[in-house]
Protein backbone atom coordinates (compact mmCIF):
# COMPACT_ATOMS: atom_id res chain seq x y z
CA UNK A 1 -17.53 13.47 -28.50
CA UNK A 2 -19.20 12.13 -26.09
CA UNK A 3 -17.33 11.87 -22.48
CA UNK A 4 -17.84 9.58 -20.02
CA UNK A 5 -16.50 11.31 -17.61
CA UNK A 6 -17.31 9.17 -13.87
CA UNK A 7 -15.15 6.13 -15.97
CA UNK A 8 -12.23 8.30 -15.09
CA UNK A 9 -12.87 10.65 -12.09
CA UNK A 10 -14.21 7.54 -10.35
CA UNK A 11 -12.05 4.89 -11.72
CA UNK A 12 -11.53 1.59 -8.60
CA UNK A 13 -8.69 -0.22 -11.33
CA UNK A 14 -7.08 1.70 -12.40
CA UNK A 15 -6.15 5.82 -10.89
CA UNK A 16 -6.30 7.99 -14.14
CA UNK A 17 -3.97 10.93 -14.79
CA UNK A 18 -3.62 13.76 -18.17
CA UNK A 19 -0.34 13.29 -19.21
CA UNK A 20 1.78 15.04 -22.74
CA UNK A 21 4.51 15.02 -23.01
CA UNK A 22 5.85 14.23 -26.97
CA UNK A 23 5.02 14.63 -30.06
CA UNK A 24 4.21 11.50 -33.47
CA UNK A 25 8.38 12.05 -33.43
CA UNK A 26 8.72 11.17 -29.69
CA UNK A 27 9.99 15.48 -30.40
CA UNK A 28 9.09 18.00 -28.13
CA UNK A 29 8.62 20.72 -31.54
CA UNK A 30 8.63 20.38 -34.98
CA UNK A 31 5.48 17.72 -34.98
CA UNK A 32 1.81 17.77 -37.91
CA UNK A 33 -1.22 19.60 -35.62
CA UNK A 34 -3.37 17.45 -33.43
CA UNK A 35 -2.43 13.82 -31.55
CA UNK A 36 -1.24 11.42 -34.47
CA UNK A 37 -0.86 8.57 -31.55
CA UNK A 38 -3.72 8.94 -29.35
CA UNK A 39 -0.56 9.41 -27.22
CA UNK A 40 0.71 12.74 -27.56
CA UNK A 41 -2.10 14.24 -25.00
CA UNK A 42 -4.03 11.21 -23.09
CA UNK A 43 -5.29 8.87 -19.72
CA UNK A 44 -2.65 6.73 -18.42
CA UNK A 45 -2.44 5.37 -14.59
CA UNK A 46 -0.15 7.24 -12.37
CA UNK A 47 3.91 6.87 -12.53
CA UNK A 48 6.27 8.73 -10.89
CA UNK A 49 8.19 11.87 -12.51
CA UNK A 50 9.08 12.21 -9.62
CA UNK A 51 6.83 14.54 -8.55
CA UNK A 52 7.63 17.38 -6.78
CA UNK A 53 4.80 19.11 -5.75
CA UNK A 54 0.61 18.76 -6.01
CA UNK A 55 -0.93 21.45 -6.51
CA UNK A 56 -4.30 21.58 -5.15
CA UNK A 57 -7.87 24.16 -5.58
CA UNK A 58 -9.65 24.02 -2.19
CA UNK A 59 -12.12 24.16 -4.29
CA UNK A 60 -13.29 20.90 -4.89
CA UNK A 61 -16.41 21.77 -7.39
CA UNK A 62 -13.57 23.73 -9.41
CA UNK A 63 -11.05 21.46 -9.31
CA UNK A 64 -13.66 18.32 -10.63
CA UNK A 65 -14.07 21.19 -13.66
CA UNK A 66 -10.72 21.03 -14.13
CA UNK A 67 -9.94 17.89 -14.34
CA UNK A 68 -13.72 16.74 -17.07
CA UNK A 69 -11.58 20.06 -18.75
CA UNK A 70 -8.31 17.27 -18.12
CA UNK A 71 -9.82 14.04 -19.94
CA UNK A 72 -11.80 15.92 -22.83
CA UNK A 73 -8.68 16.75 -23.90
CA UNK A 74 -6.75 14.37 -23.10
CA UNK A 75 -9.11 12.24 -25.65
CA UNK A 76 -10.03 14.87 -28.03
CA UNK A 77 -6.68 13.53 -31.13
CA UNK A 78 -7.74 17.34 -32.78
CA UNK A 79 -5.01 18.16 -29.72
CA UNK A 80 -1.46 16.98 -29.61
CA UNK A 81 2.14 17.92 -28.19
CA UNK A 82 4.27 20.81 -30.16
CA UNK A 83 5.86 23.24 -28.01
CA UNK A 84 6.28 25.33 -30.82
CA UNK A 85 2.64 26.07 -30.85
CA UNK A 86 2.07 25.79 -27.21
CA UNK A 87 -1.18 28.00 -27.54
CA UNK A 88 -3.12 26.83 -30.15
CA UNK A 89 -4.85 24.79 -27.92
CA UNK A 90 -6.23 27.09 -25.67
CA UNK A 91 -7.52 29.61 -29.12
CA UNK A 92 -9.58 26.84 -29.93
CA UNK A 93 -10.83 25.83 -26.41
CA UNK A 94 -11.71 29.77 -26.65
CA UNK A 95 -13.07 30.24 -30.04
CA UNK A 96 -15.37 26.48 -28.67
CA UNK A 97 -16.52 28.03 -25.15
CA UNK A 98 -14.05 26.22 -23.07
CA UNK A 99 -15.54 22.45 -24.10
CA UNK A 100 -12.36 20.71 -25.10
CA UNK A 101 -14.51 18.06 -26.57
CA UNK A 102 -15.53 20.11 -28.86
CA UNK A 103 -12.70 21.30 -30.60
CA UNK A 104 -12.28 20.12 -34.01
CA UNK A 105 -9.48 22.46 -35.72
CA UNK A 106 -6.50 20.38 -35.04
CA UNK A 107 -4.04 21.81 -31.86
CA UNK A 108 -1.31 22.07 -30.22
CA UNK A 109 -0.24 22.16 -26.33
CA UNK A 110 2.69 21.18 -24.25
CA UNK A 111 2.43 19.44 -20.82
CA UNK A 112 2.18 22.94 -18.72
CA UNK A 113 0.07 24.43 -21.21
CA UNK A 114 -2.28 21.75 -21.30
CA UNK A 115 -2.71 22.46 -18.22
CA UNK A 116 -2.70 26.38 -17.75
CA UNK A 117 -5.14 26.07 -20.64
CA UNK A 118 -7.74 24.17 -18.46
CA UNK A 119 -6.56 26.03 -15.61
CA UNK A 120 -7.71 29.30 -17.33
CA UNK A 121 -11.32 27.97 -18.93
CA UNK A 122 -12.28 26.54 -15.24
CA UNK A 123 -12.11 30.07 -14.65
CA UNK A 124 -14.15 31.51 -16.93
CA UNK A 125 -16.56 28.52 -16.86
CA UNK A 126 -17.24 29.67 -12.68
CA UNK A 127 -16.30 33.23 -13.68
CA UNK A 128 -13.22 33.41 -11.20
CA UNK A 129 -10.56 36.09 -11.86
CA UNK A 130 -7.95 34.85 -10.92
CA UNK A 131 -7.81 31.96 -13.05
CA UNK A 132 -8.66 33.86 -15.85
CA UNK A 133 -5.24 35.56 -15.67
CA UNK A 134 -2.81 32.47 -15.04
CA UNK A 135 -0.17 32.46 -17.41
CA UNK A 136 0.98 29.78 -19.57
CA UNK A 137 3.24 28.55 -17.88
CA UNK A 138 6.59 26.23 -17.75
CA UNK A 139 7.40 24.13 -15.39
CA UNK A 140 9.98 26.22 -13.65
CA UNK A 141 6.72 29.33 -12.94
CA UNK A 142 4.31 26.68 -12.20
CA UNK A 143 4.33 26.79 -8.93
CA UNK A 144 4.44 30.67 -7.81
CA UNK A 145 1.74 31.49 -10.63
CA UNK A 146 -0.60 28.13 -9.89
CA UNK A 147 -0.28 29.62 -5.72
CA UNK A 148 -1.03 33.19 -6.81
CA UNK A 149 -4.05 32.29 -7.98
CA UNK A 150 -5.57 30.53 -4.63
CA UNK A 151 -3.99 26.82 -5.17
CA UNK A 152 -1.63 25.40 -2.15
CA UNK A 153 0.99 23.48 -2.31
CA UNK A 154 1.11 19.67 -1.57
CA UNK A 155 4.36 19.01 -0.60
CA UNK A 156 3.96 15.69 1.83
CA UNK A 157 5.21 12.26 0.52
CA UNK A 158 1.27 10.63 0.71
CA UNK A 159 0.96 12.74 -2.20
CA UNK A 160 3.94 12.48 -4.10
CA UNK A 161 4.88 8.82 -4.23
CA UNK A 162 1.01 7.94 -5.05
CA UNK A 163 -2.28 8.49 -5.98
CA UNK A 164 -4.09 7.42 -3.52
CA UNK A 165 -4.44 10.86 -2.11
CA UNK A 166 -4.83 12.82 -4.81
CA UNK A 167 -8.22 14.25 -5.98
CA UNK A 168 -10.16 15.57 -9.09
CA UNK A 169 -8.07 18.62 -10.30
CA UNK A 170 -4.64 17.86 -8.25
CA UNK A 171 -2.35 18.88 -10.62
CA UNK A 172 0.69 17.08 -10.12
CA UNK A 173 4.77 18.42 -11.05
CA UNK A 174 8.24 18.06 -11.06
CA UNK A 175 9.54 21.44 -11.17
CA UNK A 176 11.61 22.32 -14.01
CA UNK A 177 10.88 19.42 -16.03
CA UNK A 178 6.99 18.42 -16.21
CA UNK A 179 3.37 18.47 -15.07
CA UNK A 180 -0.08 16.75 -15.52
CA UNK A 181 -3.34 16.77 -13.89
CA UNK A 182 -4.99 13.49 -11.55
CA UNK A 183 -7.83 13.36 -12.55
CA UNK A 184 -9.16 10.07 -10.26
CA UNK A 185 -10.15 10.18 -7.12
CA UNK A 186 -7.90 8.64 -4.84
CA UNK A 187 -9.07 5.31 -3.26
CA UNK A 188 -7.73 6.78 0.20
CA UNK A 189 -9.67 10.12 0.18
CA UNK A 190 -12.87 9.64 -1.05
CA UNK A 191 -14.92 10.16 1.89
CA UNK A 192 -13.62 13.56 1.03
CA UNK A 193 -14.47 14.38 -1.97
CA UNK A 194 -17.09 16.45 -1.96
CA UNK A 195 -17.86 18.84 -4.72
CA UNK A 196 -21.07 19.81 -4.77
CA UNK A 197 -20.17 20.81 -1.13
CA UNK A 198 -20.30 24.85 -0.16
CA UNK A 199 -16.87 26.44 -1.32
CA UNK A 200 -13.50 25.93 0.67
CA UNK A 201 -12.11 29.07 -0.60
CA UNK A 202 -13.66 32.14 -1.31
CA UNK A 203 -14.10 32.84 -4.93
CA UNK A 204 -11.96 36.48 -4.83
CA UNK A 205 -9.07 35.37 -6.87
CA UNK A 206 -6.14 35.10 -5.27
CA UNK A 207 -6.69 35.95 -1.46
CA UNK A 208 -6.17 33.57 1.00
CA UNK A 209 -8.67 32.84 3.34
CA UNK A 210 -9.68 34.79 5.97
CA UNK A 211 -9.67 31.41 8.39
CA UNK A 212 -8.80 27.63 6.46
CA UNK A 213 -10.38 24.83 6.84
CA UNK A 214 -10.51 22.61 9.28
CA UNK A 215 -9.69 19.03 10.24
CA UNK A 216 -11.72 16.66 10.57
CA UNK A 217 -14.61 18.46 8.65
CA UNK A 218 -13.08 17.86 5.36
CA UNK A 219 -9.98 16.09 6.13
CA UNK A 220 -8.01 18.99 4.08
CA UNK A 221 -5.33 19.77 6.78
CA UNK A 222 -4.20 23.43 7.26
CA UNK A 223 -1.75 25.40 5.81
CA UNK A 224 1.10 25.64 6.96
CA UNK A 225 3.25 28.78 8.96
CA UNK A 226 5.96 30.99 8.21
CA UNK A 227 7.80 32.37 11.34
CA UNK A 228 8.65 35.72 10.95
CA UNK A 229 12.74 36.22 11.52
CA UNK A 230 12.29 39.38 10.96
CA UNK A 231 10.77 42.36 10.80
CA UNK A 232 10.21 42.72 6.71
CA UNK A 233 8.23 43.89 4.53
CA UNK A 234 5.54 41.86 2.37
CA UNK A 235 5.49 42.69 -0.75
CA UNK A 236 2.89 42.92 -4.23
CA UNK A 237 5.07 39.94 -5.86
CA UNK A 238 8.01 37.60 -5.26
CA UNK A 239 11.14 40.36 -5.14
CA UNK A 240 11.87 43.04 -3.32
CA UNK A 241 11.50 45.42 -6.50
CA UNK A 242 7.75 45.01 -5.99
CA UNK A 243 5.51 47.53 -3.67
CA UNK A 244 5.45 46.62 0.16
CA UNK A 245 2.54 45.81 1.30
CA UNK A 246 3.43 46.53 5.10
CA UNK A 247 5.79 44.94 7.74
CA UNK A 248 5.30 41.53 9.14
CA UNK A 249 7.08 41.45 12.72
CA UNK A 250 9.76 39.09 14.16
CA UNK A 251 8.59 36.54 16.11
CA UNK A 252 4.81 37.00 14.19
CA UNK A 253 3.70 33.56 12.75
CA UNK A 254 1.95 33.65 9.12
CA UNK A 255 -0.50 31.40 7.02
CA UNK A 256 1.81 29.82 3.87
CA UNK A 257 0.74 28.84 0.55
CA UNK A 258 3.52 28.39 -1.54
CA UNK A 259 6.99 30.27 -2.39
CA UNK A 260 8.36 30.70 -6.14
CA UNK A 261 10.73 28.33 -7.13
CA UNK A 262 13.33 30.82 -9.09
CA UNK A 263 14.23 32.81 -6.01
CA UNK A 264 12.07 30.82 -2.91
CA UNK A 265 10.01 34.39 -1.59
CA UNK A 266 7.13 33.12 0.36
CA UNK A 267 3.67 33.36 -0.32
CA UNK A 268 2.12 34.42 3.04
CA UNK A 269 -1.65 35.07 3.81
CA UNK A 270 -1.10 39.27 5.41
CA UNK A 271 -3.68 41.31 6.38
CA UNK A 272 -6.34 39.40 5.17
CA UNK A 273 -4.36 38.83 1.15
CA UNK A 274 -1.71 36.94 0.06
CA UNK A 275 1.73 38.56 -0.07
CA UNK A 276 5.41 37.81 -0.70
CA UNK A 277 8.01 38.04 1.61
CA UNK A 278 11.61 36.93 1.09
CA UNK A 279 12.62 33.43 2.47
CA UNK A 280 16.26 35.37 4.34
CA UNK A 281 13.23 35.92 7.08
CA UNK A 282 10.76 33.19 6.64
CA UNK A 283 11.17 29.69 8.13
CA UNK A 284 8.43 27.33 7.23
CA UNK A 285 6.64 25.65 10.11
CA UNK A 286 4.83 21.87 8.49
CA UNK A 287 3.13 19.81 10.39
CA UNK A 288 2.77 17.36 6.93
């Protein structure tokens, strides 16, 4: 199956997202494997679900791969929607060497499993272990798992209410409900798209960079901070049951990379690594 990725990535008439939401019966389970209508997983104009967060991988070469995989998957009618068989797309994707256009066996995904599978595949294609190890997320844990793997959470209204500030490979998430992948370069950020430039994050998995990208060199926002309101352990996972990495001291500021939707624990940069701190001791200072 030949695919013209640039037709969708550089579209100027329609801003496309790769979206899947139901099977051929407008249901979540029980349909026939594969896309029976051409709309189970499709490229459609941007719409407001509404989205609560955009998840962005700052290495634009990797993000471009995510966009390309999303386009191929949406155009291949061997890939359909069924929550009860949501892992079968990933199984077929592995079997064909991470090229959705090459899948010839009917299989299924759901919105978050499909997005997660494509990000996993990008991890294999670029040799990024943190992305390779990403679970097939749900809409409830996607923000936490993606930020843990190196994505940045963007919540400013300009990202959530239109496609103009989105980059190819951005993930649109309506937490606890839905997810989709952006594939078109936003009209307002065309000068910020440089996938052939040096990576904007180190390829070391979930660890945050020692220094964040600066404006206006790449046009990307500086990460926000958390202000530490009291001495608190930074832990290896989002909860007191995880081992401590050390103690963040009161009145210090740490780079912030996201939070877990389940309990609000904050993902921060601490001693050159990413770790988790209770929201009881961390106040986010977002300059968006």
